[in-house]
Amino acid sequence: MRVSKQQAAENRRRIVETAGALFRERGFNGIGVADLMKEAGLTHGGFYGHFASKDDLAAEAFAKAMAVSMEQWERVVEEAPGTGLATVAGRYLSAAHRDNPAAGCAIAALGVDAGRQSGTVRRAFTSGLRPLIDLLARLVPGRSKAAQREKALATLSGLVGALVLARAVDDPALSDEILAAARTAFGAAPE
């Protein structure tokens, strides 16, 4: 049965969104195509009508997740002029974000996995990372653009690293302590 172009586009969107959440929750290798399609409410056979490979889907899902993150960060900055970095850090380093990787930052959830993926996925990672670095560079102090960029890179690394560590430990008190220390370091209010 043939589907309309509109339905095909909707199916593709659903696959990409489902994959983005499942990859962030389970990792790129934590779910196969058949289970992913089942979660999207579609048949396994329909996958290759949309994507040439799982890597192609992973790259598109990652790019979409990064675009959504960028939109969220931009919205936070617009809503909190003058305190953008502290507000971004406060929301990023929250218990809610830590506890919901499927809806959270793709960098923290998939950064290590991305380094082990194909060039297609790594290019999507790199392309998605650049605008976040640029946004942070506008928020951090510095005597020059180069100094701001350097500070933005360190800030992003610190935010992501703190979230990764807070998710990785098996001690809830230590996890909360990691988030609290990072929140303080980046000028965010206590949670």
Protein backbone atom coordinates (compact mmCIF):
# COMPACT_ATOMS: atom_id res chain seq x y z
CA MET A 1 0.00 0.00 0.00
CA ARG A 2 1.48 3.32 -1.08
CA VAL A 3 1.43 6.21 1.34
CA SER A 4 1.07 9.88 0.42
CA LYS A 5 4.09 12.16 0.43
CA GLN A 6 2.63 13.88 3.46
CA GLN A 7 2.28 10.57 5.34
CA ALA A 8 5.79 9.51 4.28
CA ALA A 9 7.17 12.78 5.65
CA GLU A 10 5.24 12.26 8.90
CA ASN A 11 6.56 8.69 9.18
CA ARG A 12 10.13 9.89 8.65
CA ARG A 13 9.69 12.62 11.27
CA ARG A 14 8.35 10.05 13.74
CA ILE A 15 11.27 7.69 13.05
CA VAL A 16 13.81 10.49 13.55
CA GLU A 17 12.21 11.71 16.78
CA THR A 18 11.85 8.20 18.17
CA ALA A 19 15.44 7.36 17.24
CA GLY A 20 16.72 10.57 18.82
CA ALA A 21 15.08 9.74 22.14
CA LEU A 22 16.03 6.06 22.07
CA PHE A 23 19.64 6.74 21.07
CA ARG A 24 19.98 9.28 23.93
CA GLU A 25 18.43 6.78 26.34
CA ARG A 26 20.22 3.59 25.21
CA GLY A 27 23.15 4.67 23.03
CA PHE A 28 23.58 4.21 19.29
CA ASN A 29 24.19 0.49 19.65
CA GLY A 30 21.57 0.01 22.37
CA ILE A 31 18.68 -0.42 19.96
CA GLY A 32 18.34 -2.15 16.63
CA VAL A 33 16.39 -1.02 13.60
CA ALA A 34 13.55 -3.51 14.15
CA ASP A 35 12.92 -2.39 17.73
CA LEU A 36 13.31 1.26 16.81
CA MET A 37 10.70 0.95 14.06
CA LYS A 38 8.38 -0.90 16.43
CA GLU A 39 8.73 1.94 18.96
CA ALA A 40 7.88 4.40 16.17
CA GLY A 41 4.77 2.35 15.38
CA LEU A 42 6.02 1.33 11.94
CA THR A 43 7.17 -1.88 10.31
CA HIS A 44 10.81 -2.89 10.09
CA GLY A 45 10.52 -3.23 6.32
CA GLY A 46 9.65 0.45 5.94
CA PHE A 47 12.97 1.61 7.37
CA TYR A 48 14.96 1.37 4.14
CA GLY A 49 12.36 3.41 2.30
CA HIS A 50 13.46 6.31 4.48
CA PHE A 51 17.14 5.70 5.23
CA ALA A 52 20.05 3.99 3.52
CA SER A 53 21.46 2.78 6.84
CA LYS A 54 21.20 3.03 10.59
CA ASP A 55 24.16 5.44 10.46
CA ASP A 56 22.20 7.77 8.20
CA LEU A 57 19.30 7.70 10.65
CA ALA A 58 21.67 8.24 13.59
CA ALA A 59 23.20 11.28 11.91
CA GLU A 60 19.81 12.79 11.12
CA ALA A 61 18.42 12.03 14.58
CA PHE A 62 21.49 13.51 16.22
CA ALA A 63 21.31 16.64 14.04
CA LYS A 64 17.64 17.08 14.92
CA ALA A 65 18.31 16.63 18.65
CA MET A 66 21.13 19.17 18.48
CA ALA A 67 18.92 21.67 16.63
CA VAL A 68 16.26 21.30 19.34
CA SER A 69 18.91 21.86 22.04
CA MET A 70 20.10 24.98 20.25
CA GLU A 71 16.54 26.34 20.05
CA GLN A 72 16.08 25.69 23.78
CA TRP A 73 19.36 27.39 24.69
CA GLU A 74 18.53 30.40 22.50
CA ARG A 75 15.11 30.67 24.14
CA VAL A 76 16.68 30.56 27.62
CA VAL A 77 19.13 33.29 26.67
CA GLU A 78 16.34 35.49 25.25
CA GLU A 79 14.22 35.00 28.38
CA ALA A 80 17.12 35.81 30.72
CA PRO A 81 19.10 38.69 29.21
CA GLY A 82 22.23 39.41 31.21
CA THR A 83 22.08 36.11 33.08
CA GLY A 84 22.00 33.77 30.11
CA LEU A 85 24.98 31.62 31.08
CA ALA A 86 23.83 31.16 34.68
CA THR A 87 20.33 30.34 33.51
CA VAL A 88 21.54 27.90 30.85
CA ALA A 89 23.82 26.25 33.41
CA GLY A 90 21.04 26.07 35.98
CA ARG A 91 18.67 24.30 33.63
CA TYR A 92 21.37 22.10 32.13
CA LEU A 93 22.72 21.00 35.50
CA SER A 94 19.34 20.14 36.98
CA ALA A 95 18.20 16.86 38.49
CA ALA A 96 15.37 16.77 35.94
CA HIS A 97 17.85 16.93 33.05
CA ARG A 98 20.12 14.37 34.66
CA ASP A 99 17.23 11.98 35.20
CA ASN A 100 15.79 12.17 31.69
CA PRO A 101 18.52 11.51 29.11
CA ALA A 102 15.98 10.58 26.40
CA ALA A 103 14.73 14.17 26.33
CA GLY A 104 17.99 15.84 27.25
CA CYS A 105 21.26 16.92 25.73
CA ALA A 106 22.45 14.67 22.94
CA ILE A 107 26.05 15.69 23.57
CA ALA A 108 26.05 14.38 27.14
CA ALA A 109 24.06 11.29 26.25
CA LEU A 110 25.92 10.33 23.09
CA GLY A 111 29.26 12.12 23.06
CA VAL A 112 31.34 9.05 23.84
CA ASP A 113 29.27 6.91 21.44
CA ALA A 114 29.60 9.51 18.66
CA GLY A 115 33.37 9.20 18.74
CA ARG A 116 33.00 5.52 17.86
CA GLN A 117 30.55 6.03 15.00
CA SER A 118 30.95 6.57 11.28
CA GLY A 119 32.10 9.80 9.73
CA THR A 120 28.46 10.61 8.93
CA VAL A 121 27.50 10.61 12.61
CA ARG A 122 30.66 12.43 13.67
CA ARG A 123 30.02 15.15 11.07
CA ALA A 124 26.49 15.61 12.44
CA PHE A 125 27.95 15.82 15.95
CA THR A 126 30.51 18.42 14.89
CA SER A 127 27.94 20.47 12.95
CA GLY A 128 25.57 20.48 15.91
CA LEU A 129 28.28 21.41 18.39
CA ARG A 130 29.50 24.53 16.57
CA PRO A 131 26.38 26.70 17.08
CA LEU A 132 26.31 25.84 20.80
CA ILE A 133 29.94 26.92 21.12
CA ASP A 134 29.14 30.15 19.28
CA LEU A 135 26.18 30.86 21.55
CA LEU A 136 28.25 30.27 24.67
CA ALA A 137 31.01 32.51 23.28
CA ARG A 138 28.49 35.36 23.20
CA LEU A 139 27.63 34.75 26.86
CA VAL A 140 31.06 34.46 28.46
CA PRO A 141 33.38 37.36 29.22
CA GLY A 142 36.65 37.76 27.40
CA ARG A 143 39.01 40.42 26.09
CA SER A 144 38.84 39.07 22.55
CA LYS A 145 36.77 36.76 20.38
CA ALA A 146 39.50 34.13 20.74
CA ALA A 147 39.41 34.39 24.54
CA GLN A 148 35.61 34.13 24.55
CA ARG A 149 35.73 31.08 22.29
CA GLU A 150 38.31 29.42 24.52
CA LYS A 151 36.15 30.09 27.59
CA ALA A 152 33.05 28.83 25.71
CA LEU A 153 34.81 25.56 24.89
CA ALA A 154 35.86 25.11 28.52
CA THR A 155 32.35 25.99 29.71
CA LEU A 156 30.66 23.53 27.38
CA SER A 157 33.15 20.85 28.38
CA GLY A 158 32.45 21.54 32.06
CA LEU A 159 28.67 21.48 31.65
CA VAL A 160 28.69 18.25 29.66
CA GLY A 161 31.30 16.63 31.88
CA ALA A 162 29.37 17.42 35.05
CA LEU A 163 26.16 15.99 33.61
CA VAL A 164 27.93 12.85 32.38
CA LEU A 165 29.52 12.29 35.81
CA ALA A 166 26.26 12.96 37.66
CA ARG A 167 24.53 10.36 35.50
CA ALA A 168 27.34 7.81 35.78
CA VAL A 169 27.75 7.50 39.54
CA ASP A 170 25.63 5.08 41.56
CA ASP A 171 25.49 7.30 44.64
CA PRO A 172 22.55 9.76 44.51
CA ALA A 173 24.16 12.07 47.07
CA LEU A 174 27.39 12.27 45.05
CA SER A 175 25.41 12.84 41.87
CA ASP A 176 23.58 15.76 43.49
CA GLU A 177 26.89 17.07 44.84
CA ILE A 178 28.45 17.03 41.35
CA LEU A 179 25.52 18.99 39.92
CA ALA A 180 25.56 21.47 42.81
CA ALA A 181 29.31 22.09 42.52
CA ALA A 182 29.07 22.65 38.77
CA ARG A 183 26.05 24.93 39.20
CA THR A 184 28.09 27.03 41.62
CA ALA A 185 31.09 27.07 39.27
CA PHE A 186 28.93 28.38 36.43
CA GLY A 187 27.05 30.95 38.53
CA ALA A 188 23.71 29.15 38.58
CA ALA A 189 21.39 29.38 41.54
CA PRO A 190 21.14 26.34 43.79
CA GLU A 191 18.46 23.88 42.77
